[in-house]
């Protein structure tokens, strides 16, 4: 059964940054890793060649990142952050009381936040799914993967400013 692709909201800046990373990895990154693998291969016995195995591992991680970025960018919705209307939606910054503690985080993709220190929860995470569509002042709860029930109250919903 085919899984429906997830649409990810991205700012133009985030889209451009990720597209540049994909371009680099797909060209220069692949060339660099191929050279490292070839140089390590020339050292001899591949069974006991740590440099060769490390380069192959790095190649696998790089190819996985290329696939991830390709899929993310293919299904990205690019635009300005949604203007906050007091409703929790993708691309908004939420302040909520979670299990008695006040926390501020972004709903969306980690890729949106870039270098920001802000925590990010996807819309598909237990917390994200529980609060999507809630308004300021509304309460709910969600179940963690370990089965614990956690209470949440939305305190504020703000427009993502990009930092």
C-alpha atoms as a PDB file:
ATOM      1  CA  UNK A   1       0.000   0.000   0.000  1.00  0.00           C
ATOM      2  CA  UNK A   2       1.493   3.355  -1.052  1.00  0.00           C
ATOM      3  CA  UNK A   3       2.027   5.890   1.696  1.00  0.00           C
ATOM      4  CA  UNK A   4       0.713   9.379   0.957  1.00  0.00           C
ATOM      5  CA  UNK A   5       3.501  11.959   0.752  1.00  0.00           C
ATOM      6  CA  UNK A   6       3.622  14.466   3.571  1.00  0.00           C
ATOM      7  CA  UNK A   7       3.505  18.109   2.519  1.00  0.00           C
ATOM      8  CA  UNK A   8       6.033  20.184   4.459  1.00  0.00           C
ATOM      9  CA  UNK A   9       5.716  23.944   4.772  1.00  0.00           C
ATOM     10  CA  UNK A  10       9.023  25.784   4.235  1.00  0.00           C
ATOM     11  CA  UNK A  11      10.007  29.428   4.082  1.00  0.00           C
ATOM     12  CA  UNK A  12      11.690  30.514   0.844  1.00  0.00           C
ATOM     13  CA  UNK A  13      14.953  30.859   2.792  1.00  0.00           C
ATOM     14  CA  UNK A  14      14.702  27.304   4.130  1.00  0.00           C
ATOM     15  CA  UNK A  15      13.806  25.951   0.677  1.00  0.00           C
ATOM     16  CA  UNK A  16      16.767  27.751  -0.927  1.00  0.00           C
ATOM     17  CA  UNK A  17      19.145  26.559   1.821  1.00  0.00           C
ATOM     18  CA  UNK A  18      18.023  22.950   1.438  1.00  0.00           C
ATOM     19  CA  UNK A  19      18.124  23.104  -2.371  1.00  0.00           C
ATOM     20  CA  UNK A  20      21.723  24.401  -2.173  1.00  0.00           C
ATOM     21  CA  UNK A  21      22.646  21.582   0.217  1.00  0.00           C
ATOM     22  CA  UNK A  22      21.094  19.024  -2.144  1.00  0.00           C
ATOM     23  CA  UNK A  23      22.957  20.510  -5.123  1.00  0.00           C
ATOM     24  CA  UNK A  24      26.264  20.394  -3.228  1.00  0.00           C
ATOM     25  CA  UNK A  25      25.771  16.831  -1.990  1.00  0.00           C
ATOM     26  CA  UNK A  26      24.644  15.600  -5.413  1.00  0.00           C
ATOM     27  CA  UNK A  27      27.674  17.057  -7.191  1.00  0.00           C
ATOM     28  CA  UNK A  28      30.763  18.000  -5.170  1.00  0.00           C
ATOM     29  CA  UNK A  29      29.816  15.780  -2.233  1.00  0.00           C
ATOM     30  CA  UNK A  30      29.540  12.678  -4.419  1.00  0.00           C
ATOM     31  CA  UNK A  31      32.814  13.524  -6.181  1.00  0.00           C
ATOM     32  CA  UNK A  32      34.645  13.995  -2.881  1.00  0.00           C
ATOM     33  CA  UNK A  33      33.403  10.743  -1.386  1.00  0.00           C
ATOM     34  CA  UNK A  34      34.201   8.824  -4.594  1.00  0.00           C
ATOM     35  CA  UNK A  35      37.789  10.134  -4.442  1.00  0.00           C
ATOM     36  CA  UNK A  36      38.089   9.114  -0.771  1.00  0.00           C
ATOM     37  CA  UNK A  37      36.781   5.623  -1.516  1.00  0.00           C
ATOM     38  CA  UNK A  38      39.166   5.232  -4.465  1.00  0.00           C
ATOM     39  CA  UNK A  39      42.144   6.436  -2.412  1.00  0.00           C
ATOM     40  CA  UNK A  40      41.279   4.026   0.404  1.00  0.00           C
ATOM     41  CA  UNK A  41      40.749   1.184  -2.095  1.00  0.00           C
ATOM     42  CA  UNK A  42      44.295   1.709  -3.396  1.00  0.00           C
ATOM     43  CA  UNK A  43      45.657   1.090   0.106  1.00  0.00           C
ATOM     44  CA  UNK A  44      45.064  -2.629  -0.332  1.00  0.00           C
ATOM     45  CA  UNK A  45      43.089  -5.271   1.570  1.00  0.00           C
ATOM     46  CA  UNK A  46      39.539  -3.938   1.904  1.00  0.00           C
ATOM     47  CA  UNK A  47      38.662  -6.281   4.787  1.00  0.00           C
ATOM     48  CA  UNK A  48      40.973  -4.517   7.206  1.00  0.00           C
ATOM     49  CA  UNK A  49      40.876  -1.072   5.635  1.00  0.00           C
ATOM     50  CA  UNK A  50      39.242   1.263   8.171  1.00  0.00           C
ATOM     51  CA  UNK A  51      39.462   4.285   5.869  1.00  0.00           C
ATOM     52  CA  UNK A  52      37.580   2.443   3.134  1.00  0.00           C
ATOM     53  CA  UNK A  53      34.805   1.317   5.482  1.00  0.00           C
ATOM     54  CA  UNK A  54      34.496   4.805   7.011  1.00  0.00           C
ATOM     55  CA  UNK A  55      34.225   6.354   3.535  1.00  0.00           C
ATOM     56  CA  UNK A  56      31.591   3.813   2.490  1.00  0.00           C
ATOM     57  CA  UNK A  57      29.598   4.526   5.676  1.00  0.00           C
ATOM     58  CA  UNK A  58      29.797   8.246   4.985  1.00  0.00           C
ATOM     59  CA  UNK A  59      28.682   7.625   1.402  1.00  0.00           C
ATOM     60  CA  UNK A  60      25.625   5.743   2.674  1.00  0.00           C
ATOM     61  CA  UNK A  61      24.709   8.590   5.046  1.00  0.00           C
ATOM     62  CA  UNK A  62      25.203  11.148   2.297  1.00  0.00           C
ATOM     63  CA  UNK A  63      22.991   9.209  -0.140  1.00  0.00           C
ATOM     64  CA  UNK A  64      20.300   8.910   2.547  1.00  0.00           C
ATOM     65  CA  UNK A  65      20.425  12.707   3.074  1.00  0.00           C
ATOM     66  CA  UNK A  66      20.161  13.230  -0.700  1.00  0.00           C
ATOM     67  CA  UNK A  67      17.044  11.019  -0.804  1.00  0.00           C
ATOM     68  CA  UNK A  68      15.577  12.808   2.235  1.00  0.00           C
ATOM     69  CA  UNK A  69      16.161  16.275   0.757  1.00  0.00           C
ATOM     70  CA  UNK A  70      14.857  15.243  -2.671  1.00  0.00           C
ATOM     71  CA  UNK A  71      11.621  13.950  -1.153  1.00  0.00           C
ATOM     72  CA  UNK A  72      11.244  16.917   1.200  1.00  0.00           C
ATOM     73  CA  UNK A  73      11.741  19.495  -1.564  1.00  0.00           C
ATOM     74  CA  UNK A  74       9.506  17.597  -3.990  1.00  0.00           C
ATOM     75  CA  UNK A  75       6.576  17.864  -1.559  1.00  0.00           C
ATOM     76  CA  UNK A  76       7.378  21.248  -0.005  1.00  0.00           C
ATOM     77  CA  UNK A  77       4.877  24.070   0.171  1.00  0.00           C
ATOM     78  CA  UNK A  78       6.924  27.261  -0.019  1.00  0.00           C
ATOM     79  CA  UNK A  79       5.704  30.586   1.264  1.00  0.00           C
ATOM     80  CA  UNK A  80       5.623  33.020   4.125  1.00  0.00           C
ATOM     81  CA  UNK A  81       4.953  31.799   7.621  1.00  0.00           C
ATOM     82  CA  UNK A  82       1.225  31.605   8.257  1.00  0.00           C
ATOM     83  CA  UNK A  83       0.023  34.716  10.031  1.00  0.00           C
ATOM     84  CA  UNK A  84      -1.074  33.671  13.457  1.00  0.00           C
ATOM     85  CA  UNK A  85      -4.810  33.718  13.951  1.00  0.00           C
ATOM     86  CA  UNK A  86      -4.633  32.167  17.392  1.00  0.00           C
ATOM     87  CA  UNK A  87      -5.000  28.656  15.946  1.00  0.00           C
ATOM     88  CA  UNK A  88      -2.223  26.047  16.065  1.00  0.00           C
ATOM     89  CA  UNK A  89      -1.069  25.219  12.536  1.00  0.00           C
ATOM     90  CA  UNK A  90       2.115  24.232  10.741  1.00  0.00           C
ATOM     91  CA  UNK A  91       4.653  27.035  10.811  1.00  0.00           C
ATOM     92  CA  UNK A  92       3.458  28.698  14.015  1.00  0.00           C
ATOM     93  CA  UNK A  93       5.308  29.137  17.295  1.00  0.00           C
ATOM     94  CA  UNK A  94       3.370  27.743  20.218  1.00  0.00           C
ATOM     95  CA  UNK A  95       3.706  28.435  23.910  1.00  0.00           C
ATOM     96  CA  UNK A  96       1.944  25.734  25.885  1.00  0.00           C
ATOM     97  CA  UNK A  97       1.798  24.324  29.375  1.00  0.00           C
ATOM     98  CA  UNK A  98       2.809  20.696  28.984  1.00  0.00           C
ATOM     99  CA  UNK A  99       2.606  18.489  32.067  1.00  0.00           C
ATOM    100  CA  UNK A 100       2.753  21.640  34.219  1.00  0.00           C
ATOM    101  CA  UNK A 101       5.786  23.227  32.503  1.00  0.00           C
ATOM    102  CA  UNK A 102       5.597  26.116  30.045  1.00  0.00           C
ATOM    103  CA  UNK A 103       7.370  25.373  26.754  1.00  0.00           C
ATOM    104  CA  UNK A 104       7.753  27.288  23.492  1.00  0.00           C
ATOM    105  CA  UNK A 105       8.244  25.407  20.220  1.00  0.00           C
ATOM    106  CA  UNK A 106       7.598  25.460  16.501  1.00  0.00           C
ATOM    107  CA  UNK A 107       5.097  23.168  14.793  1.00  0.00           C
ATOM    108  CA  UNK A 108       6.481  21.926  11.476  1.00  0.00           C
ATOM    109  CA  UNK A 109       9.716  20.531  10.102  1.00  0.00           C
ATOM    110  CA  UNK A 110      13.120  20.820  11.789  1.00  0.00           C
ATOM    111  CA  UNK A 111      14.292  22.100   8.417  1.00  0.00           C
ATOM    112  CA  UNK A 112      12.210  25.279   8.850  1.00  0.00           C
ATOM    113  CA  UNK A 113      14.020  26.256  12.034  1.00  0.00           C
ATOM    114  CA  UNK A 114      17.512  26.050  10.522  1.00  0.00           C
ATOM    115  CA  UNK A 115      20.025  27.155  13.161  1.00  0.00           C
ATOM    116  CA  UNK A 116      17.377  28.308  15.630  1.00  0.00           C
ATOM    117  CA  UNK A 117      17.546  26.958  19.167  1.00  0.00           C
ATOM    118  CA  UNK A 118      13.762  26.556  19.143  1.00  0.00           C
ATOM    119  CA  UNK A 119      12.442  23.028  19.673  1.00  0.00           C
ATOM    120  CA  UNK A 120      10.422  21.703  16.729  1.00  0.00           C
ATOM    121  CA  UNK A 121       7.599  19.168  16.773  1.00  0.00           C
ATOM    122  CA  UNK A 122       6.213  17.776  13.539  1.00  0.00           C
ATOM    123  CA  UNK A 123       2.515  17.762  12.842  1.00  0.00           C
ATOM    124  CA  UNK A 124       2.651  13.952  12.964  1.00  0.00           C
ATOM    125  CA  UNK A 125       4.270  13.766  16.422  1.00  0.00           C
ATOM    126  CA  UNK A 126       1.938  12.844  19.295  1.00  0.00           C
ATOM    127  CA  UNK A 127       2.100  16.423  20.637  1.00  0.00           C
ATOM    128  CA  UNK A 128       1.771  18.053  17.222  1.00  0.00           C
ATOM    129  CA  UNK A 129      -1.193  15.904  16.194  1.00  0.00           C
ATOM    130  CA  UNK A 130      -2.948  16.567  19.524  1.00  0.00           C
ATOM    131  CA  UNK A 131      -2.741  20.364  19.365  1.00  0.00           C
ATOM    132  CA  UNK A 132      -3.193  21.061  15.632  1.00  0.00           C
ATOM    133  CA  UNK A 133      -6.290  23.193  15.197  1.00  0.00           C
ATOM    134  CA  UNK A 134      -6.551  24.176  18.872  1.00  0.00           C
ATOM    135  CA  UNK A 135      -7.082  27.821  19.839  1.00  0.00           C
ATOM    136  CA  UNK A 136      -5.403  29.821  22.599  1.00  0.00           C
ATOM    137  CA  UNK A 137      -6.787  28.711  25.954  1.00  0.00           C
ATOM    138  CA  UNK A 138      -7.914  25.273  24.776  1.00  0.00           C
ATOM    139  CA  UNK A 139      -6.748  22.136  26.553  1.00  0.00           C
ATOM    140  CA  UNK A 140      -6.190  18.561  25.446  1.00  0.00           C
ATOM    141  CA  UNK A 141      -3.990  15.616  26.236  1.00  0.00           C
ATOM    142  CA  UNK A 142      -1.924  13.196  24.219  1.00  0.00           C
ATOM    143  CA  UNK A 143      -0.435   9.776  24.767  1.00  0.00           C
ATOM    144  CA  UNK A 144       3.347   9.404  24.611  1.00  0.00           C
ATOM    145  CA  UNK A 145       4.955   6.380  22.958  1.00  0.00           C
ATOM    146  CA  UNK A 146       5.433   4.824  26.416  1.00  0.00           C
ATOM    147  CA  UNK A 147       1.688   5.123  27.109  1.00  0.00           C
ATOM    148  CA  UNK A 148       1.806   8.085  29.506  1.00  0.00           C
ATOM    149  CA  UNK A 149      -1.041  10.596  29.185  1.00  0.00           C
ATOM    150  CA  UNK A 150       0.179  14.229  29.129  1.00  0.00           C
ATOM    151  CA  UNK A 151      -2.024  17.307  29.600  1.00  0.00           C
ATOM    152  CA  UNK A 152      -1.479  20.316  27.312  1.00  0.00           C
ATOM    153  CA  UNK A 153      -2.909  23.849  27.380  1.00  0.00           C
ATOM    154  CA  UNK A 154      -2.207  26.258  24.507  1.00  0.00           C
ATOM    155  CA  UNK A 155      -1.116  29.611  25.991  1.00  0.00           C
ATOM    156  CA  UNK A 156      -0.186  31.503  22.813  1.00  0.00           C
ATOM    157  CA  UNK A 157       0.170  31.034  19.058  1.00  0.00           C
ATOM    158  CA  UNK A 158       2.531  33.379  17.214  1.00  0.00           C
ATOM    159  CA  UNK A 159       3.730  33.870  13.664  1.00  0.00           C
ATOM    160  CA  UNK A 160       7.139  32.252  12.994  1.00  0.00           C
ATOM    161  CA  UNK A 161       9.625  35.080  12.514  1.00  0.00           C
ATOM    162  CA  UNK A 162      12.483  32.901  11.307  1.00  0.00           C
ATOM    163  CA  UNK A 163      14.706  33.097  14.386  1.00  0.00           C
END
